[in-house]
Amino acid sequence: MPDQADKLRELVHGAPPPERDDAPGPPMIVVTGGKGGVGATTVAVNLAAVLGDRGQRVVLVDAARQHADLAQVAGVGPISGGTVADILAGKCSAADALTPGPAGTLLLANRWAPKSSPDFSRHAQHRLLAELQTLGDVTDLLVVDAGSGLTPWTRRFWLRARLVVAVATTDDVAVMDTYAAIKLSAADATAADVRVLANQCDSDAITDDVQRRLTTACQRFLGRNVPALPALPRHIAIGAAGTACVPRVWEAPNSPFGHAVLWLGHAVADVLANHESQIGNEKGGMLSTRSVVSMSQ
């Protein structure tokens, strides 16, 4: 039976590495999991809402191949306009498909038509990425739910990202698959800042164990510093009908989950601010060098 290492080698050696996309556009946060079921969509929705509440103009993008339920998780009603699938097919632009999302965000929702297969080709994904780059007039930040797993689809989003939030839970398979995804990004020489997020953790001890296992393995075997973001606790929200529903920070900001998401948003905002400062310093250094050359001529 093929193991995780076999799967990783197949992906690294069996497919050409995607090109790094350095075109200008709004900075992108990619939220992803090594495997499905770790809550990456819930993390993406709540993180986008908190960043929007902090004054950022945020577009939340449902780019997960496995499911198209981000709008449902966000509590947004039926989507009647264009979707990510329509953008992939070239039927509409990203600007035309925007719809209001939670906490003042904008949403690029998705849905698969019955008995249809969306265009997940490399060309279609490049079309989507190009469309996202045109949204600078309406957004300061893109938060993309890229789905999970080790696929060329998720790798291209990693290559475009300013920050990758790699979500894991206490499940051993989730931890191993998250590490494998980070290892694959190292093979691609991905320049994105990758941070791990321990989700659905019941105690500080469990949180520390998940974070330690991932950060230590990345440092020891990859020589890569992969810091941890503030963890999120397990939280089951109960709806009006008495059934479990998705936790949403704007509905319960004073809950333990709500407080944790607020800390997460603060930490991510700090990471992005540091990136902007570094970019500014690099541009300033380039300008200074050009000035010296010009003065010497």
Protein backbone atom coordinates (compact mmCIF):
# COMPACT_ATOMS: atom_id res chain seq x y z
CA MET A 1 0.00 0.00 0.00
CA PRO A 2 1.48 3.38 -0.96
CA ASP A 3 2.37 5.53 2.05
CA GLN A 4 2.50 9.32 2.47
CA ALA A 5 6.10 9.47 1.30
CA ASP A 6 5.21 7.66 -1.94
CA LYS A 7 2.40 10.14 -2.53
CA LEU A 8 4.73 13.05 -1.92
CA ARG A 9 7.42 11.74 -4.27
CA GLU A 10 4.83 11.17 -6.98
CA LEU A 11 3.63 14.75 -6.72
CA VAL A 12 7.11 16.25 -6.60
CA HIS A 13 8.59 14.24 -9.45
CA GLY A 14 5.55 13.35 -11.51
CA ALA A 15 4.27 16.84 -12.24
CA PRO A 16 6.09 19.97 -13.41
CA PRO A 17 6.35 22.60 -10.68
CA PRO A 18 3.95 25.51 -11.21
CA GLU A 19 5.38 28.87 -12.07
CA ARG A 20 5.68 31.48 -9.34
CA ASP A 21 3.06 34.16 -9.95
CA ASP A 22 4.57 37.55 -9.10
CA ALA A 23 2.00 39.73 -10.85
CA PRO A 24 0.78 42.70 -8.79
CA GLY A 25 -2.50 42.43 -6.99
CA PRO A 26 -4.03 42.34 -3.53
CA PRO A 27 -2.07 40.22 -1.03
CA MET A 28 -3.51 36.75 -0.62
CA ILE A 29 -3.94 34.63 2.49
CA VAL A 30 -4.45 30.98 1.61
CA VAL A 31 -6.19 28.81 4.20
CA THR A 32 -5.72 25.10 3.61
CA GLY A 33 -5.58 21.75 5.36
CA GLY A 34 -3.38 18.75 4.78
CA LYS A 35 -6.60 16.71 4.70
CA GLY A 36 -10.30 17.38 4.58
CA GLY A 37 -12.39 17.76 7.71
CA VAL A 38 -9.95 19.89 9.73
CA GLY A 39 -12.15 23.00 9.57
CA ALA A 40 -10.20 25.08 7.05
CA THR A 41 -13.40 26.64 5.66
CA THR A 42 -14.57 27.64 9.14
CA VAL A 43 -11.14 29.16 9.82
CA ALA A 44 -11.17 31.08 6.53
CA VAL A 45 -14.66 32.51 7.09
CA ASN A 46 -13.99 33.63 10.65
CA LEU A 47 -10.53 35.01 9.88
CA ALA A 48 -11.93 37.06 6.98
CA ALA A 49 -14.70 38.42 9.21
CA VAL A 50 -12.25 39.50 11.92
CA LEU A 51 -9.90 41.15 9.42
CA GLY A 52 -12.89 42.93 7.87
CA ASP A 53 -13.95 44.15 11.30
CA ARG A 54 -10.44 45.56 11.77
CA GLY A 55 -11.04 47.87 8.80
CA GLN A 56 -9.57 45.79 5.98
CA ARG A 57 -11.53 45.47 2.76
CA VAL A 58 -11.58 41.69 2.43
CA VAL A 59 -12.73 39.40 -0.38
CA LEU A 60 -13.38 35.83 0.75
CA VAL A 61 -12.91 33.27 -2.04
CA ASP A 62 -14.32 29.74 -2.17
CA ALA A 63 -11.67 27.92 -4.21
CA ALA A 64 -11.95 24.49 -2.60
CA ARG A 65 -12.39 21.69 -5.13
CA GLN A 66 -13.84 19.13 -2.75
CA HIS A 67 -16.81 21.14 -1.53
CA ALA A 68 -18.53 24.39 -2.44
CA ASP A 69 -20.03 25.28 0.91
CA LEU A 70 -18.19 28.43 2.00
CA ALA A 71 -21.28 30.61 1.48
CA GLN A 72 -23.30 28.23 3.63
CA VAL A 73 -20.65 28.24 6.37
CA ALA A 74 -20.63 32.05 6.23
CA GLY A 75 -24.40 32.17 6.62
CA VAL A 76 -24.93 33.84 3.26
CA GLY A 77 -28.23 33.12 1.50
CA PRO A 78 -28.64 31.42 -1.87
CA ILE A 79 -26.19 32.76 -4.46
CA SER A 80 -28.00 34.00 -7.54
CA GLY A 81 -25.13 35.69 -9.39
CA GLY A 82 -21.85 34.51 -10.83
CA THR A 83 -19.62 32.04 -9.01
CA VAL A 84 -16.02 30.87 -8.97
CA ALA A 85 -17.05 28.10 -11.37
CA ASP A 86 -18.26 30.78 -13.80
CA ILE A 87 -14.94 32.63 -13.49
CA LEU A 88 -13.04 29.41 -14.16
CA ALA A 89 -15.15 28.88 -17.29
CA GLY A 90 -14.63 32.47 -18.47
CA LYS A 91 -18.34 33.27 -18.19
CA CYS A 92 -17.93 36.31 -15.93
CA SER A 93 -15.29 38.42 -14.22
CA ALA A 94 -14.42 38.29 -10.55
CA ALA A 95 -15.79 41.80 -10.05
CA ASP A 96 -19.15 40.76 -11.52
CA ALA A 97 -19.38 37.73 -9.22
CA LEU A 98 -18.84 39.56 -5.92
CA THR A 99 -21.63 39.35 -3.36
CA PRO A 100 -21.91 40.75 0.20
CA GLY A 101 -20.36 38.48 2.83
CA PRO A 102 -20.21 38.46 6.63
CA ALA A 103 -18.94 41.39 8.71
CA GLY A 104 -18.61 43.75 5.74
CA THR A 105 -16.58 41.39 3.58
CA LEU A 106 -17.22 40.56 -0.05
CA LEU A 107 -17.62 36.98 -1.17
CA LEU A 108 -16.73 35.02 -4.28
CA ALA A 109 -18.97 32.03 -3.67
CA ASN A 110 -19.09 28.74 -5.48
CA ARG A 111 -21.53 26.02 -6.36
CA TRP A 112 -21.36 23.09 -8.72
CA ALA A 113 -24.26 22.64 -11.10
CA PRO A 114 -25.83 19.17 -10.86
CA LYS A 115 -24.19 16.58 -13.10
CA SER A 116 -21.53 19.04 -14.24
CA SER A 117 -17.77 19.07 -13.78
CA PRO A 118 -16.14 22.49 -13.26
CA ASP A 119 -13.05 23.34 -15.24
CA PHE A 120 -10.16 22.71 -12.85
CA SER A 121 -7.50 22.84 -15.55
CA ARG A 122 -4.29 24.75 -15.14
CA HIS A 123 -5.43 27.29 -17.71
CA ALA A 124 -8.73 27.87 -15.88
CA GLN A 125 -6.95 28.31 -12.56
CA HIS A 126 -4.60 30.87 -14.09
CA ARG A 127 -7.70 32.70 -15.34
CA LEU A 128 -9.09 32.75 -11.80
CA LEU A 129 -5.80 33.98 -10.33
CA ALA A 130 -5.58 36.71 -12.98
CA GLU A 131 -9.13 37.81 -12.18
CA LEU A 132 -8.35 37.97 -8.46
CA GLN A 133 -5.43 40.28 -9.26
CA THR A 134 -7.84 42.79 -10.80
CA LEU A 135 -9.75 43.37 -7.54
CA GLY A 136 -7.31 45.88 -6.07
CA ASP A 137 -9.84 48.72 -6.39
CA VAL A 138 -12.36 46.97 -4.14
CA THR A 139 -10.22 44.97 -1.72
CA ASP A 140 -7.09 45.24 0.40
CA LEU A 141 -6.82 41.52 1.03
CA LEU A 142 -7.90 38.17 -0.41
CA VAL A 143 -8.68 35.28 1.94
CA VAL A 144 -8.84 32.08 -0.12
CA ASP A 145 -10.20 28.75 1.07
CA ALA A 146 -8.06 26.60 -1.22
CA GLY A 147 -9.28 23.23 0.01
CA SER A 148 -6.99 20.45 1.15
CA GLY A 149 -4.69 17.74 -0.04
CA LEU A 150 -1.50 17.62 -2.07
CA THR A 151 -2.59 18.62 -5.58
CA PRO A 152 -1.33 20.90 -8.34
CA TRP A 153 -4.44 23.02 -7.67
CA THR A 154 -3.54 23.84 -4.07
CA ARG A 155 0.16 24.23 -4.88
CA ARG A 156 -0.54 27.07 -7.32
CA PHE A 157 -2.43 28.97 -4.66
CA TRP A 158 0.46 28.47 -2.25
CA LEU A 159 2.82 29.93 -4.85
CA ARG A 160 0.65 33.03 -5.17
CA ALA A 161 0.08 33.55 -1.44
CA ARG A 162 1.62 36.13 0.83
CA LEU A 163 0.68 33.97 3.81
CA VAL A 164 -0.38 30.31 4.00
CA VAL A 165 -2.38 29.18 7.04
CA ALA A 166 -1.93 25.41 7.26
CA VAL A 167 -4.73 24.03 9.44
CA ALA A 168 -4.32 20.81 11.42
CA THR A 169 -6.20 19.12 14.23
CA THR A 170 -5.11 16.72 16.96
CA ASP A 171 -5.67 13.79 14.59
CA ASP A 172 -2.36 12.10 13.75
CA VAL A 173 -3.24 11.83 10.05
CA ALA A 174 -4.08 15.54 9.93
CA VAL A 175 -0.71 16.42 11.48
CA MET A 176 1.20 14.16 9.08
CA ASP A 177 -0.67 15.42 6.00
CA THR A 178 -0.11 19.04 7.03
CA TYR A 179 3.62 18.37 7.38
CA ALA A 180 3.62 16.64 3.98
CA ALA A 181 2.00 19.69 2.36
CA ILE A 182 4.61 21.99 3.90
CA LYS A 183 7.35 19.63 2.71
CA LEU A 184 5.95 19.80 -0.81
CA SER A 185 5.98 23.60 -0.69
CA ALA A 186 9.65 23.44 0.29
CA ALA A 187 10.31 21.26 -2.77
CA ASP A 188 8.64 23.95 -4.90
CA ALA A 189 10.76 26.65 -3.23
CA THR A 190 7.56 28.44 -2.25
CA ALA A 191 8.36 31.89 -0.94
CA ALA A 192 5.12 32.27 1.01
CA ASP A 193 5.22 32.66 4.77
CA VAL A 194 3.70 29.40 6.06
CA ARG A 195 2.16 29.27 9.54
CA VAL A 196 0.49 26.32 11.22
CA LEU A 197 -2.81 26.62 13.04
CA ALA A 198 -4.00 24.00 15.52
CA ASN A 199 -7.79 23.79 15.24
CA GLN A 200 -10.40 22.09 17.43
CA CYS A 201 -8.05 21.82 20.41
CA ASP A 202 -9.58 21.15 23.82
CA SER A 203 -6.66 22.21 26.03
CA ASP A 204 -3.40 24.15 26.03
CA ALA A 205 -1.47 20.89 26.39
CA ILE A 206 -3.05 19.44 23.25
CA THR A 207 -2.46 22.69 21.38
CA ASP A 208 1.21 22.74 22.40
CA ASP A 209 1.63 19.13 21.29
CA VAL A 210 0.21 19.72 17.78
CA GLN A 211 2.23 22.90 17.31
CA ARG A 212 5.45 21.35 18.63
CA ARG A 213 5.17 18.28 16.40
CA LEU A 214 4.72 20.38 13.28
CA THR A 215 7.19 23.18 13.96
CA THR A 216 9.89 20.79 15.21
CA ALA A 217 9.53 18.46 12.21
CA CYS A 218 9.72 21.38 9.77
CA GLN A 219 12.82 22.76 11.47
CA ARG A 220 14.56 19.40 11.84
CA PHE A 221 13.83 17.78 8.48
CA LEU A 222 13.23 20.78 6.20
CA GLY A 223 15.43 23.42 7.82
CA ARG A 224 12.41 25.69 7.65
CA ASN A 225 11.00 27.89 10.39
CA VAL A 226 7.22 27.43 10.41
CA PRO A 227 5.80 29.38 13.36
CA ALA A 228 2.42 28.67 14.91
CA LEU A 229 -0.56 31.01 14.86
CA PRO A 230 -2.93 31.25 17.84
CA ALA A 231 -4.92 28.03 18.08
CA LEU A 232 -8.70 27.73 17.94
CA PRO A 233 -10.67 25.67 20.46
CA ARG A 234 -13.30 23.09 19.71
CA HIS A 235 -16.64 24.88 19.67
CA ILE A 236 -20.08 23.64 18.77
CA ALA A 237 -22.64 26.38 18.26
CA ILE A 238 -26.29 25.51 18.80
CA GLY A 239 -28.81 27.10 16.45
CA ALA A 240 -32.36 28.22 17.16
CA ALA A 241 -33.70 24.79 16.24
CA GLY A 242 -31.43 23.14 18.81
CA THR A 243 -29.13 21.67 16.17
CA ALA A 244 -25.38 22.15 15.89
CA CYS A 245 -24.22 24.84 13.50
CA VAL A 246 -20.96 26.41 12.39
CA PRO A 247 -19.32 28.77 14.94
CA ARG A 248 -19.26 32.37 13.66
CA VAL A 249 -17.31 35.02 15.50
CA TRP A 250 -19.78 37.80 14.63
CA GLU A 251 -22.59 35.83 16.26
CA ALA A 252 -20.69 34.96 19.47
CA PRO A 253 -17.73 37.35 19.84
CA ASN A 254 -17.54 36.85 23.62
CA SER A 255 -17.36 33.06 23.48
CA PRO A 256 -14.01 31.27 23.95
CA PHE A 257 -14.03 30.57 20.20
CA GLY A 258 -14.78 34.22 19.45
CA HIS A 259 -11.95 35.44 21.67
CA ALA A 260 -9.55 32.97 20.05
CA VAL A 261 -10.51 34.12 16.54
CA LEU A 262 -9.96 37.75 17.55
CA TRP A 263 -6.45 36.84 18.72
CA LEU A 264 -5.89 34.99 15.45
CA GLY A 265 -6.94 38.04 13.45
CA HIS A 266 -4.59 40.24 15.47
CA ALA A 267 -1.68 37.85 14.87
CA VAL A 268 -2.35 37.60 11.12
CA ALA A 269 -2.62 41.40 10.84
CA ASP A 270 0.79 41.69 12.52
CA VAL A 271 2.30 39.16 10.10
CA LEU A 272 0.94 41.08 7.10
CA ALA A 273 2.17 44.40 8.54
CA ASN A 274 5.66 42.95 8.90
CA HIS A 275 5.53 41.76 5.29
CA GLU A 276 4.54 45.22 4.10
CA SER A 277 7.37 46.75 6.10
CA GLN A 278 9.88 44.32 4.57
CA ILE A 279 8.59 45.02 1.07
CA GLY A 280 8.88 48.75 1.71
CA ASN A 281 12.45 48.36 2.96
CA GLU A 282 13.38 46.27 -0.09
CA LYS A 283 11.93 48.88 -2.44
CA GLY A 284 13.68 51.62 -0.52
CA GLY A 285 16.97 49.76 -0.82
CA MET A 286 16.50 49.37 -4.56
CA LEU A 287 15.70 53.08 -4.86
CA SER A 288 18.77 54.04 -2.84
CA THR A 289 20.99 51.86 -5.04
CA ARG A 290 19.58 53.43 -8.20
CA SER A 291 20.09 56.90 -6.74
CA VAL A 292 23.74 56.17 -5.98
CA VAL A 293 24.27 54.84 -9.51
CA SER A 294 22.57 57.90 -10.98
CA MET A 295 24.67 60.29 -8.91
CA SER A 296 27.88 58.52 -9.91
CA GLN A 297 27.15 58.86 -13.64
